[in-house]
Amino acid sequence: MPLVNGNLLVEFIQEQQVVGGAFNTTNLETTVGILEAVEETKIPSFIQIAPSNIGLAGYEGIVEMVKRQARFMDTPVALHLDHGKKLTDFKAAVRAGFNSVMIDGAEFDFEENIRYTKAAVDFAKAYGVPVEAELGAIKGKEDDHVSEADCKTDPKQVKEFVERTGCDLLAVSVGNVHGIDEEPQIDFDLLAKIAEESAVPLVIHGGSGISSSDLKRMKSYNVVKINVASELRQSYIQSIGHAYDSNPAEANLIAVLTNAKNSVQKKTVEKIKELNR
């Protein structure tokens, strides 16, 4: 199946009454592991990459990598740009053929975030590509970026923000954190208020650290996309580390990388099931 537009993928997710995982990739092995897991579970999902991880493949390279694997799949999948903080990265992903993109203006004040996001939405609209925006700062470590900010989304700003920007998805801060170094404390009362105000589906970042019981509740609050990165990366790195510990003289690279790919696949399957119990 060809890659599908992000809005269409959300429709598939809502029709099946599931939550779509959004799984971060970096290289070929991680990409194949994620997509094999999506096909195994048959749950429509996003595969995504952040600009900080694009260096190995480039925007065009990751598009071709994902497209090549997806054409053998029966389960819908979309390629998403995660945390596009700069318009240059955002535009590069759109032009390369990403099916969904995020513009992250959370570091700005409310009015500047609206202006920044609206400019991105207007650009992507010509390509028919949906845009995820962020309102409220999410604490924690995302790759090399560490944020001490913990500014939860103000539900009183949600309706105006969505209307004025024209965004298609809204990432919110409700006690979720990036990475797994801190324990998230999800404020479901706040999430409920945000869901009432938002005309578009919601996104939760930091899915690696959220408890299974909290993940299970997300679907009730119009959450259609939950991001997972750290757990997949850990499984990949630990697999390679185990290979070295077992045999420091190991030179069979294909065996080592195949095991790393399989570890990502296994962890992704676990997370997809965890999101949809």
Protein backbone atom coordinates (compact mmCIF):
# COMPACT_ATOMS: atom_id res chain seq x y z
CA MET A 1 0.00 0.00 0.00
CA PRO A 2 1.35 3.46 -0.77
CA LEU A 3 1.92 5.91 2.05
CA VAL A 4 -1.31 7.71 2.91
CA ASN A 5 -2.05 11.34 3.71
CA GLY A 6 -2.01 12.07 7.44
CA ASN A 7 -5.64 13.20 7.48
CA LEU A 8 -6.71 9.97 5.80
CA LEU A 9 -4.69 7.98 8.32
CA VAL A 10 -6.50 9.75 11.16
CA GLU A 11 -9.80 8.78 9.52
CA PHE A 12 -8.68 5.13 9.45
CA ILE A 13 -7.67 5.38 13.12
CA GLN A 14 -11.00 6.89 14.13
CA GLU A 15 -13.02 4.41 12.07
CA GLN A 16 -11.26 1.50 13.77
CA GLN A 17 -11.63 3.18 17.18
CA VAL A 18 -7.95 2.74 17.99
CA VAL A 19 -5.08 5.01 18.96
CA GLY A 20 -2.35 5.42 16.37
CA GLY A 21 1.19 5.11 17.58
CA ALA A 22 3.75 7.50 16.09
CA PHE A 23 7.09 5.72 16.16
CA ASN A 24 10.39 7.54 15.67
CA THR A 25 12.94 6.20 13.25
CA THR A 26 16.52 7.15 12.45
CA ASN A 27 17.92 4.59 10.03
CA LEU A 28 17.05 1.62 7.81
CA GLU A 29 16.92 -1.04 10.53
CA THR A 30 14.69 1.03 12.79
CA THR A 31 12.42 1.89 9.87
CA VAL A 32 11.97 -1.73 8.80
CA GLY A 33 11.43 -2.87 12.39
CA ILE A 34 8.70 -0.28 12.96
CA LEU A 35 6.88 -0.96 9.70
CA GLU A 36 7.02 -4.73 10.15
CA ALA A 37 5.44 -4.25 13.57
CA VAL A 38 2.67 -2.06 12.13
CA GLU A 39 1.92 -4.71 9.52
CA GLU A 40 1.96 -7.46 12.15
CA THR A 41 -0.58 -5.69 14.38
CA LYS A 42 -2.67 -4.26 11.51
CA ILE A 43 -3.17 -0.99 13.43
CA PRO A 44 -2.89 2.18 11.28
CA SER A 45 0.15 4.09 12.53
CA PHE A 46 2.55 6.94 11.92
CA ILE A 47 6.27 6.51 11.40
CA GLN A 48 8.10 9.74 12.09
CA ILE A 49 11.48 11.38 12.29
CA ALA A 50 12.68 14.63 13.85
CA PRO A 51 15.08 17.04 12.10
CA SER A 52 17.72 16.18 14.72
CA ASN A 53 17.75 12.60 13.39
CA ILE A 54 17.56 13.30 9.66
CA GLY A 55 21.33 13.52 9.17
CA LEU A 56 21.89 9.86 8.27
CA ALA A 57 19.32 9.59 5.48
CA GLY A 58 18.21 13.12 4.57
CA TYR A 59 14.58 14.04 3.92
CA GLU A 60 14.40 12.50 0.46
CA GLY A 61 16.25 9.40 1.61
CA ILE A 62 13.90 8.67 4.50
CA VAL A 63 10.88 9.18 2.21
CA GLU A 64 12.19 6.65 -0.28
CA MET A 65 13.14 4.23 2.50
CA VAL A 66 9.66 4.31 4.04
CA LYS A 67 7.86 4.23 0.66
CA ARG A 68 9.85 1.20 -0.46
CA GLN A 69 8.88 -0.77 2.63
CA ALA A 70 5.27 0.48 2.79
CA ARG A 71 4.38 -0.66 -0.72
CA PHE A 72 4.49 -4.27 0.49
CA MET A 73 2.13 -3.51 3.42
CA ASP A 74 -1.64 -3.82 3.68
CA THR A 75 -1.88 -1.61 6.78
CA PRO A 76 -2.10 2.17 6.24
CA VAL A 77 0.90 4.22 7.40
CA ALA A 78 1.93 7.86 7.05
CA LEU A 79 5.37 9.46 7.30
CA HIS A 80 5.36 12.37 9.74
CA LEU A 81 7.88 15.09 10.62
CA ASP A 82 8.26 15.26 14.40
CA HIS A 83 9.12 18.59 16.09
CA GLY A 84 9.81 20.79 13.11
CA LYS A 85 11.03 23.80 15.05
CA LYS A 86 12.42 25.62 12.01
CA LEU A 87 10.42 26.50 8.92
CA THR A 88 13.37 25.42 6.78
CA ASP A 89 13.10 21.85 8.12
CA PHE A 90 9.32 21.94 7.89
CA LYS A 91 9.39 23.00 4.24
CA ALA A 92 12.11 20.50 3.37
CA ALA A 93 9.99 17.65 4.70
CA VAL A 94 6.88 18.81 2.83
CA ARG A 95 8.80 19.18 -0.42
CA ALA A 96 10.42 15.76 0.03
CA GLY A 97 7.03 14.06 0.24
CA PHE A 98 6.19 13.66 3.94
CA ASN A 99 2.48 12.89 4.43
CA SER A 100 2.12 14.82 7.69
CA VAL A 101 4.26 17.48 9.39
CA MET A 102 4.60 19.12 12.78
CA ILE A 103 5.45 22.75 13.35
CA ASP A 104 6.60 23.33 16.91
CA GLY A 105 6.16 26.94 17.98
CA ALA A 106 5.66 26.12 21.66
CA GLU A 107 8.71 28.17 22.65
CA PHE A 108 6.95 31.35 21.49
CA ASP A 109 4.25 33.32 23.27
CA PHE A 110 0.65 32.72 22.25
CA GLU A 111 0.39 35.31 19.48
CA GLU A 112 3.78 34.50 17.96
CA ASN A 113 2.98 30.77 18.08
CA ILE A 114 -0.20 31.47 16.14
CA ARG A 115 1.64 33.53 13.50
CA TYR A 116 4.42 30.95 13.16
CA THR A 117 2.01 28.03 12.94
CA LYS A 118 -0.29 29.80 10.50
CA ALA A 119 2.63 30.45 8.14
CA ALA A 120 3.48 26.75 8.21
CA VAL A 121 -0.13 25.69 7.64
CA ASP A 122 -0.47 28.04 4.68
CA PHE A 123 2.66 26.56 3.10
CA ALA A 124 1.62 22.94 3.65
CA LYS A 125 -1.92 23.55 2.42
CA ALA A 126 -0.72 23.93 -1.17
CA TYR A 127 0.73 20.41 -0.94
CA GLY A 128 -2.34 18.94 0.74
CA VAL A 129 -0.26 18.00 3.79
CA PRO A 130 -1.86 18.19 7.26
CA VAL A 131 -0.11 20.02 10.08
CA GLU A 132 0.30 19.14 13.74
CA ALA A 133 0.88 22.15 16.01
CA GLU A 134 1.84 22.40 19.67
CA LEU A 135 0.25 24.56 22.35
CA GLY A 136 1.94 24.41 25.73
CA ALA A 137 5.54 23.38 26.38
CA ILE A 138 6.42 19.73 27.02
CA LYS A 139 9.15 19.14 29.57
CA GLY A 140 11.98 16.62 29.20
CA LYS A 141 14.72 15.50 26.80
CA GLU A 142 14.01 15.14 23.10
CA ASP A 143 17.23 13.95 21.42
CA ASP A 144 19.81 16.68 22.15
CA HIS A 145 17.19 19.26 23.14
CA VAL A 146 16.48 19.53 26.85
CA SER A 147 13.50 21.60 27.96
CA GLU A 148 12.96 22.66 31.55
CA ALA A 149 9.71 24.32 30.58
CA ASP A 150 6.58 22.76 31.97
CA CYS A 151 3.87 25.04 30.68
CA LYS A 152 0.67 23.04 30.47
CA THR A 153 -1.80 23.78 27.71
CA ASP A 154 -4.38 26.39 28.67
CA PRO A 155 -7.81 25.09 27.59
CA LYS A 156 -9.05 28.68 27.31
CA GLN A 157 -6.59 29.23 24.44
CA VAL A 158 -7.30 26.02 22.54
CA LYS A 159 -10.34 27.01 20.48
CA GLU A 160 -8.83 30.30 19.34
CA PHE A 161 -5.48 28.70 18.55
CA VAL A 162 -7.01 25.96 16.39
CA GLU A 163 -9.34 28.35 14.57
CA ARG A 164 -6.70 30.98 13.83
CA THR A 165 -3.94 28.59 12.77
CA GLY A 166 -6.02 26.07 10.84
CA CYS A 167 -3.94 23.20 12.23
CA ASP A 168 -5.19 19.62 11.74
CA LEU A 169 -3.81 18.05 14.93
CA LEU A 170 -2.93 19.60 18.28
CA ALA A 171 -0.11 18.38 20.53
CA VAL A 172 -0.83 19.24 24.15
CA SER A 173 1.00 19.41 27.44
CA VAL A 174 -0.93 17.76 30.27
CA GLY A 175 1.87 16.40 32.44
CA ASN A 176 3.46 14.29 29.70
CA VAL A 177 7.24 14.52 29.35
CA HIS A 178 9.76 13.70 26.64
CA GLY A 179 12.11 10.81 27.34
CA ILE A 180 12.05 8.38 30.25
CA ASP A 181 14.16 10.21 32.83
CA GLU A 182 11.14 11.69 34.59
CA GLU A 183 7.82 10.14 35.53
CA PRO A 184 4.86 11.84 33.85
CA GLN A 185 1.82 12.84 35.87
CA ILE A 186 -1.06 13.01 33.42
CA ASP A 187 -3.76 15.53 34.35
CA PHE A 188 -6.85 13.90 32.86
CA ASP A 189 -9.14 16.65 34.10
CA LEU A 190 -7.12 19.12 32.06
CA LEU A 191 -7.06 16.76 29.07
CA ALA A 192 -10.85 16.51 29.24
CA LYS A 193 -11.22 20.30 29.19
CA ILE A 194 -8.86 20.58 26.22
CA ALA A 195 -10.74 17.87 24.33
CA GLU A 196 -13.99 19.79 24.83
CA GLU A 197 -12.45 22.94 23.35
CA SER A 198 -10.52 21.44 20.45
CA ALA A 199 -12.14 21.03 17.05
CA VAL A 200 -9.24 18.82 15.95
CA PRO A 201 -7.87 15.52 17.32
CA LEU A 202 -5.19 15.60 20.00
CA VAL A 203 -1.62 14.30 20.14
CA ILE A 204 0.33 13.18 23.20
CA HIS A 205 4.12 13.32 23.12
CA GLY A 206 6.32 11.29 25.46
CA GLY A 207 4.47 7.98 25.16
CA SER A 208 7.50 5.95 26.26
CA GLY A 209 7.19 6.96 29.89
CA ILE A 210 3.41 6.94 30.34
CA SER A 211 1.94 4.03 32.30
CA SER A 212 -0.14 1.38 30.56
CA SER A 213 -3.23 2.34 32.54
CA ASP A 214 -2.92 6.00 31.52
CA LEU A 215 -2.25 5.12 27.88
CA LYS A 216 -5.41 3.04 27.86
CA ARG A 217 -7.49 6.06 28.94
CA MET A 218 -6.21 8.42 26.22
CA LYS A 219 -8.63 7.32 23.51
CA SER A 220 -11.57 8.64 25.55
CA TYR A 221 -10.23 12.19 25.17
CA ASN A 222 -10.03 12.43 21.37
CA VAL A 223 -6.35 11.43 21.35
CA VAL A 224 -5.55 9.81 17.99
CA LYS A 225 -1.74 9.90 18.03
CA ILE A 226 0.75 9.03 20.78
CA ASN A 227 4.47 9.46 20.14
CA VAL A 228 6.98 6.76 21.12
CA ALA A 229 10.73 7.15 20.61
CA SER A 230 12.97 6.45 23.62
CA GLU A 231 11.92 2.85 24.17
CA LEU A 232 12.59 1.95 20.53
CA ARG A 233 16.02 3.56 20.55
CA GLN A 234 16.93 1.85 23.78
CA SER A 235 15.97 -1.55 22.41
CA TYR A 236 18.12 -0.96 19.31
CA ILE A 237 21.16 0.22 21.25
CA GLN A 238 20.85 -2.49 23.88
CA SER A 239 20.69 -5.18 21.20
CA ILE A 240 23.95 -3.97 19.65
CA GLY A 241 25.53 -3.58 23.07
CA HIS A 242 24.56 -7.15 23.95
CA ALA A 243 26.18 -8.38 20.73
CA TYR A 244 29.45 -6.69 21.65
CA ASP A 245 29.34 -7.93 25.25
CA SER A 246 28.74 -11.47 24.01
CA ASN A 247 31.59 -11.34 21.50
CA PRO A 248 33.85 -8.26 21.28
CA ALA A 249 35.40 -9.77 18.15
CA GLU A 250 32.06 -10.07 16.34
CA ALA A 251 32.34 -9.00 12.70
CA ASN A 252 29.04 -10.31 11.31
CA LEU A 253 27.38 -6.94 10.87
CA ILE A 254 24.25 -8.24 9.13
CA ALA A 255 23.50 -10.58 12.04
CA VAL A 256 24.03 -7.82 14.60
CA LEU A 257 21.85 -5.32 12.74
CA THR A 258 19.15 -7.89 11.99
CA ASN A 259 18.87 -8.60 15.70
CA ALA A 260 18.69 -4.86 16.39
CA LYS A 261 15.91 -4.52 13.81
CA ASN A 262 14.05 -7.43 15.40
CA SER A 263 14.34 -5.83 18.83
CA VAL A 264 12.73 -2.64 17.50
CA GLN A 265 9.97 -4.66 15.87
CA LYS A 266 9.25 -6.54 19.08
CA LYS A 267 9.16 -3.36 21.18
CA THR A 268 6.93 -1.58 18.64
CA VAL A 269 4.45 -4.47 18.65
CA GLU A 270 4.37 -4.28 22.45
CA LYS A 271 3.67 -0.55 22.38
CA ILE A 272 0.94 -0.80 19.74
CA LYS A 273 -0.82 -3.42 21.83
CA GLU A 274 -0.30 -1.36 24.98
CA LEU A 275 -1.93 1.65 23.32
CA ASN A 276 -4.95 -0.38 22.26
CA ARG A 277 -5.73 -2.78 25.09
